[in-house]
Amino acid sequence: MAQANKDQAEVKPKPLVISRTFAAPRATVFKAWSTAEHMKRWFSPEGFTVPEAEIDFRPGGVCAICMRSPAGQDMWSRGKYIEISPPDRLVFISEVANGTMPAFSAHTTVTFEDEGAGTRMTVRQVYDIHDENFRAAIEGASEGWRTTLDKLEQELARMRSAASS
């Protein structure tokens, strides 16, 4: 039994890849990633909020986001930007912690491509688990990203509306 648990711990989660087409230009979709103001509005799954965020949008800059669960539990994702190539590509690494203990880390690559009059955005995440109790969170990441991208769609509509006012 101990060997089975050890083997489970050594199995790296499959990378997550999720794409969505938005009715907005690449520059606008890319911009939604660029400030704490924008990220606080959309960068969390349905039911969660982002009460705090620190975004230093440059290679080597900080990307720190606090996601608050409906029960009031705060989960911090802290990392740094590796590559920022507007409006084509964004790469960052982050670590999610449970209190002071690392839960998992993610290497995230986001690409932005023209698709018709809109933008096809693809998110690819590769994970490393530091606490096996968080394997389920990674396994549910696809659904979390789906609802997060729903919120991004709302933020893009807000951005379009603000730009036309």
C-alpha atoms as a PDB file:
ATOM      1  CA  MET A   1       0.000   0.000   0.000  1.00  0.00           C
ATOM      2  CA  ALA A   2       2.831   2.416   0.787  1.00  0.00           C
ATOM      3  CA  GLN A   3       4.219   1.847  -2.723  1.00  0.00           C
ATOM      4  CA  ALA A   4       0.811   2.673  -4.265  1.00  0.00           C
ATOM      5  CA  ASN A   5       0.695   5.980  -2.341  1.00  0.00           C
ATOM      6  CA  LYS A   6       4.281   6.763  -3.389  1.00  0.00           C
ATOM      7  CA  ASP A   7       3.456   6.001  -7.041  1.00  0.00           C
ATOM      8  CA  GLN A   8       0.357   8.256  -6.798  1.00  0.00           C
ATOM      9  CA  ALA A   9       2.480  11.102  -5.428  1.00  0.00           C
ATOM     10  CA  GLU A  10       4.981  10.746  -8.280  1.00  0.00           C
ATOM     11  CA  VAL A  11       2.308  10.878 -11.002  1.00  0.00           C
ATOM     12  CA  LYS A  12       2.425  14.367 -12.441  1.00  0.00           C
ATOM     13  CA  PRO A  13      -1.002  15.799 -13.299  1.00  0.00           C
ATOM     14  CA  LYS A  14      -1.789  16.119 -16.991  1.00  0.00           C
ATOM     15  CA  PRO A  15      -1.374  19.632 -18.386  1.00  0.00           C
ATOM     16  CA  LEU A  16      -4.565  21.603 -18.691  1.00  0.00           C
ATOM     17  CA  VAL A  17      -5.370  23.198 -22.044  1.00  0.00           C
ATOM     18  CA  ILE A  18      -8.489  25.309 -22.451  1.00  0.00           C
ATOM     19  CA  SER A  19      -9.438  27.662 -25.300  1.00  0.00           C
ATOM     20  CA  ARG A  20     -12.161  30.228 -25.757  1.00  0.00           C
ATOM     21  CA  THR A  21     -12.995  32.681 -28.521  1.00  0.00           C
ATOM     22  CA  PHE A  22     -13.944  36.178 -27.383  1.00  0.00           C
ATOM     23  CA  ALA A  23     -15.691  38.884 -29.413  1.00  0.00           C
ATOM     24  CA  ALA A  24     -12.887  41.357 -28.755  1.00  0.00           C
ATOM     25  CA  PRO A  25      -9.576  42.293 -30.399  1.00  0.00           C
ATOM     26  CA  ARG A  26      -6.371  40.596 -29.179  1.00  0.00           C
ATOM     27  CA  ALA A  27      -5.092  43.845 -27.669  1.00  0.00           C
ATOM     28  CA  THR A  28      -8.205  44.118 -25.482  1.00  0.00           C
ATOM     29  CA  VAL A  29      -8.116  40.488 -24.350  1.00  0.00           C
ATOM     30  CA  PHE A  30      -4.402  40.814 -23.605  1.00  0.00           C
ATOM     31  CA  LYS A  31      -5.025  44.058 -21.682  1.00  0.00           C
ATOM     32  CA  ALA A  32      -7.487  42.257 -19.367  1.00  0.00           C
ATOM     33  CA  TRP A  33      -4.458  40.367 -17.977  1.00  0.00           C
ATOM     34  CA  SER A  34      -2.317  43.474 -17.462  1.00  0.00           C
ATOM     35  CA  THR A  35      -3.550  45.226 -14.301  1.00  0.00           C
ATOM     36  CA  ALA A  36      -4.733  44.373 -10.797  1.00  0.00           C
ATOM     37  CA  GLU A  37      -7.902  46.366 -11.518  1.00  0.00           C
ATOM     38  CA  HIS A  38      -8.843  44.055 -14.391  1.00  0.00           C
ATOM     39  CA  MET A  39      -7.684  40.821 -12.720  1.00  0.00           C
ATOM     40  CA  LYS A  40      -9.699  41.538  -9.569  1.00  0.00           C
ATOM     41  CA  ARG A  41     -12.858  41.577 -11.689  1.00  0.00           C
ATOM     42  CA  TRP A  42     -12.417  38.210 -13.385  1.00  0.00           C
ATOM     43  CA  PHE A  43      -9.468  36.016 -12.306  1.00  0.00           C
ATOM     44  CA  SER A  44     -11.312  33.507 -10.104  1.00  0.00           C
ATOM     45  CA  PRO A  45     -13.823  30.697 -10.537  1.00  0.00           C
ATOM     46  CA  GLU A  46     -17.557  31.280 -10.193  1.00  0.00           C
ATOM     47  CA  GLY A  47     -18.525  32.096  -6.617  1.00  0.00           C
ATOM     48  CA  PHE A  48     -15.008  33.267  -5.725  1.00  0.00           C
ATOM     49  CA  THR A  49     -13.810  36.871  -5.559  1.00  0.00           C
ATOM     50  CA  VAL A  50     -10.407  38.538  -5.807  1.00  0.00           C
ATOM     51  CA  PRO A  51     -10.180  41.030  -2.921  1.00  0.00           C
ATOM     52  CA  GLU A  52      -6.452  41.663  -3.431  1.00  0.00           C
ATOM     53  CA  ALA A  53      -4.068  41.513  -6.374  1.00  0.00           C
ATOM     54  CA  GLU A  54      -0.594  42.806  -7.123  1.00  0.00           C
ATOM     55  CA  ILE A  55       0.340  42.909 -10.801  1.00  0.00           C
ATOM     56  CA  ASP A  56       3.729  44.228 -11.942  1.00  0.00           C
ATOM     57  CA  PHE A  57       3.198  43.487 -15.636  1.00  0.00           C
ATOM     58  CA  ARG A  58       6.776  43.083 -16.891  1.00  0.00           C
ATOM     59  CA  PRO A  59       9.147  40.118 -17.214  1.00  0.00           C
ATOM     60  CA  GLY A  60      10.327  39.306 -13.683  1.00  0.00           C
ATOM     61  CA  GLY A  61       7.419  41.288 -12.210  1.00  0.00           C
ATOM     62  CA  VAL A  62       5.129  40.030  -9.464  1.00  0.00           C
ATOM     63  CA  CYS A  63       1.826  38.319 -10.141  1.00  0.00           C
ATOM     64  CA  ALA A  64       0.062  37.815  -6.786  1.00  0.00           C
ATOM     65  CA  ILE A  65      -3.653  37.141  -6.559  1.00  0.00           C
ATOM     66  CA  CYS A  66      -5.844  36.333  -3.576  1.00  0.00           C
ATOM     67  CA  MET A  67      -8.906  34.249  -4.428  1.00  0.00           C
ATOM     68  CA  ARG A  68     -11.574  34.206  -1.711  1.00  0.00           C
ATOM     69  CA  SER A  69     -13.932  31.241  -1.545  1.00  0.00           C
ATOM     70  CA  PRO A  70     -17.663  31.639  -0.853  1.00  0.00           C
ATOM     71  CA  ALA A  71     -16.868  30.414   2.709  1.00  0.00           C
ATOM     72  CA  GLY A  72     -14.371  33.263   3.142  1.00  0.00           C
ATOM     73  CA  GLN A  73     -11.158  31.220   2.847  1.00  0.00           C
ATOM     74  CA  ASP A  74      -8.309  33.062   1.097  1.00  0.00           C
ATOM     75  CA  MET A  75      -6.037  31.206  -1.331  1.00  0.00           C
ATOM     76  CA  TRP A  76      -3.001  33.090  -2.592  1.00  0.00           C
ATOM     77  CA  SER A  77      -1.343  32.473  -5.920  1.00  0.00           C
ATOM     78  CA  ARG A  78       2.067  34.166  -5.985  1.00  0.00           C
ATOM     79  CA  GLY A  79       4.505  34.146  -8.847  1.00  0.00           C
ATOM     80  CA  LYS A  80       6.278  36.110 -11.512  1.00  0.00           C
ATOM     81  CA  TYR A  81       5.998  36.891 -15.168  1.00  0.00           C
ATOM     82  CA  ILE A  82       8.473  35.102 -17.435  1.00  0.00           C
ATOM     83  CA  GLU A  83       7.444  36.455 -20.856  1.00  0.00           C
ATOM     84  CA  ILE A  84       5.136  39.255 -21.948  1.00  0.00           C
ATOM     85  CA  SER A  85       4.780  39.606 -25.723  1.00  0.00           C
ATOM     86  CA  PRO A  86       1.743  41.810 -26.482  1.00  0.00           C
ATOM     87  CA  PRO A  87      -0.676  40.914 -27.912  1.00  0.00           C
ATOM     88  CA  ASP A  88       0.478  37.354 -28.691  1.00  0.00           C
ATOM     89  CA  ARG A  89       1.766  35.538 -25.628  1.00  0.00           C
ATOM     90  CA  LEU A  90       2.014  35.658 -21.856  1.00  0.00           C
ATOM     91  CA  VAL A  91       3.962  33.234 -19.621  1.00  0.00           C
ATOM     92  CA  PHE A  92       4.047  33.194 -15.841  1.00  0.00           C
ATOM     93  CA  ILE A  93       4.777  30.810 -12.988  1.00  0.00           C
ATOM     94  CA  SER A  94       2.875  30.776  -9.735  1.00  0.00           C
ATOM     95  CA  GLU A  95       2.614  28.843  -6.518  1.00  0.00           C
ATOM     96  CA  VAL A  96      -0.606  28.328  -4.605  1.00  0.00           C
ATOM     97  CA  ALA A  97      -0.147  28.026  -0.866  1.00  0.00           C
ATOM     98  CA  ASN A  98      -2.318  26.743   1.927  1.00  0.00           C
ATOM     99  CA  GLY A  99      -1.321  29.156   4.655  1.00  0.00           C
ATOM    100  CA  THR A 100       2.483  29.093   4.583  1.00  0.00           C
ATOM    101  CA  MET A 101       2.762  25.624   3.024  1.00  0.00           C
ATOM    102  CA  PRO A 102       3.037  25.310  -0.779  1.00  0.00           C
ATOM    103  CA  ALA A 103       0.143  23.323  -2.264  1.00  0.00           C
ATOM    104  CA  PHE A 104       1.055  23.265  -5.960  1.00  0.00           C
ATOM    105  CA  SER A 105       2.770  25.322  -8.613  1.00  0.00           C
ATOM    106  CA  ALA A 106       1.682  26.075 -12.154  1.00  0.00           C
ATOM    107  CA  HIS A 107       3.565  27.144 -15.262  1.00  0.00           C
ATOM    108  CA  THR A 108       0.998  29.025 -17.361  1.00  0.00           C
ATOM    109  CA  THR A 109       1.263  29.965 -21.021  1.00  0.00           C
ATOM    110  CA  VAL A 110      -1.494  32.065 -22.584  1.00  0.00           C
ATOM    111  CA  THR A 111      -1.645  32.633 -26.337  1.00  0.00           C
ATOM    112  CA  PHE A 112      -3.841  35.094 -28.225  1.00  0.00           C
ATOM    113  CA  GLU A 113      -4.727  34.549 -31.903  1.00  0.00           C
ATOM    114  CA  ASP A 114      -7.017  36.377 -34.309  1.00  0.00           C
ATOM    115  CA  GLU A 115     -10.127  34.365 -35.059  1.00  0.00           C
ATOM    116  CA  GLY A 116     -12.561  36.111 -37.357  1.00  0.00           C
ATOM    117  CA  ALA A 117     -13.412  39.449 -35.762  1.00  0.00           C
ATOM    118  CA  GLY A 118     -12.469  38.111 -32.329  1.00  0.00           C
ATOM    119  CA  THR A 119      -9.647  36.499 -30.393  1.00  0.00           C
ATOM    120  CA  ARG A 120      -8.929  32.852 -29.684  1.00  0.00           C
ATOM    121  CA  MET A 121      -7.227  32.635 -26.295  1.00  0.00           C
ATOM    122  CA  THR A 122      -5.627  29.389 -25.172  1.00  0.00           C
ATOM    123  CA  VAL A 123      -4.433  28.739 -21.618  1.00  0.00           C
ATOM    124  CA  ARG A 124      -1.991  25.890 -20.991  1.00  0.00           C
ATOM    125  CA  GLN A 125      -0.950  25.020 -17.450  1.00  0.00           C
ATOM    126  CA  VAL A 126       1.611  22.454 -16.308  1.00  0.00           C
ATOM    127  CA  TYR A 127       1.427  21.565 -12.607  1.00  0.00           C
ATOM    128  CA  ASP A 128       3.724  20.325  -9.862  1.00  0.00           C
ATOM    129  CA  ILE A 129       2.019  19.061  -6.709  1.00  0.00           C
ATOM    130  CA  HIS A 130       3.644  19.868  -3.361  1.00  0.00           C
ATOM    131  CA  ASP A 131       0.729  18.725  -1.153  1.00  0.00           C
ATOM    132  CA  GLU A 132      -1.276  15.684  -2.288  1.00  0.00           C
ATOM    133  CA  ASN A 133      -4.380  17.125  -0.594  1.00  0.00           C
ATOM    134  CA  PHE A 134      -4.557  19.595  -3.491  1.00  0.00           C
ATOM    135  CA  ARG A 135      -4.582  17.032  -6.311  1.00  0.00           C
ATOM    136  CA  ALA A 136      -8.390  17.366  -6.470  1.00  0.00           C
ATOM    137  CA  ALA A 137      -8.077  21.145  -6.942  1.00  0.00           C
ATOM    138  CA  ILE A 138      -5.854  20.556  -9.959  1.00  0.00           C
ATOM    139  CA  GLU A 139      -8.196  17.884 -11.303  1.00  0.00           C
ATOM    140  CA  GLY A 140     -11.046  20.440 -11.075  1.00  0.00           C
ATOM    141  CA  ALA A 141      -9.018  23.194 -12.762  1.00  0.00           C
ATOM    142  CA  SER A 142     -10.753  22.721 -16.111  1.00  0.00           C
ATOM    143  CA  GLU A 143     -14.153  23.613 -14.638  1.00  0.00           C
ATOM    144  CA  GLY A 144     -12.615  26.442 -12.608  1.00  0.00           C
ATOM    145  CA  TRP A 145     -11.050  27.901 -15.743  1.00  0.00           C
ATOM    146  CA  ARG A 146     -14.342  27.518 -17.656  1.00  0.00           C
ATOM    147  CA  THR A 147     -16.182  29.714 -15.132  1.00  0.00           C
ATOM    148  CA  THR A 148     -13.196  32.071 -14.836  1.00  0.00           C
ATOM    149  CA  LEU A 149     -13.326  32.623 -18.600  1.00  0.00           C
ATOM    150  CA  ASP A 150     -17.058  33.322 -18.292  1.00  0.00           C
ATOM    151  CA  LYS A 151     -16.078  36.152 -15.939  1.00  0.00           C
ATOM    152  CA  LEU A 152     -13.387  37.304 -18.381  1.00  0.00           C
ATOM    153  CA  GLU A 153     -16.080  37.543 -21.061  1.00  0.00           C
ATOM    154  CA  GLN A 154     -18.054  39.861 -18.746  1.00  0.00           C
ATOM    155  CA  GLU A 155     -14.937  41.968 -18.072  1.00  0.00           C
ATOM    156  CA  LEU A 156     -14.284  42.318 -21.815  1.00  0.00           C
ATOM    157  CA  ALA A 157     -17.882  43.522 -22.300  1.00  0.00           C
ATOM    158  CA  ARG A 158     -17.353  46.031 -19.451  1.00  0.00           C
ATOM    159  CA  MET A 159     -14.098  47.208 -21.054  1.00  0.00           C
ATOM    160  CA  ARG A 160     -15.827  47.691 -24.445  1.00  0.00           C
ATOM    161  CA  SER A 161     -18.645  49.611 -22.795  1.00  0.00           C
ATOM    162  CA  ALA A 162     -16.223  51.846 -20.854  1.00  0.00           C
ATOM    163  CA  ALA A 163     -14.224  52.542 -24.026  1.00  0.00           C
ATOM    164  CA  SER A 164     -17.339  53.605 -25.940  1.00  0.00           C
ATOM    165  CA  SER A 165     -18.622  55.941 -23.194  1.00  0.00           C
END
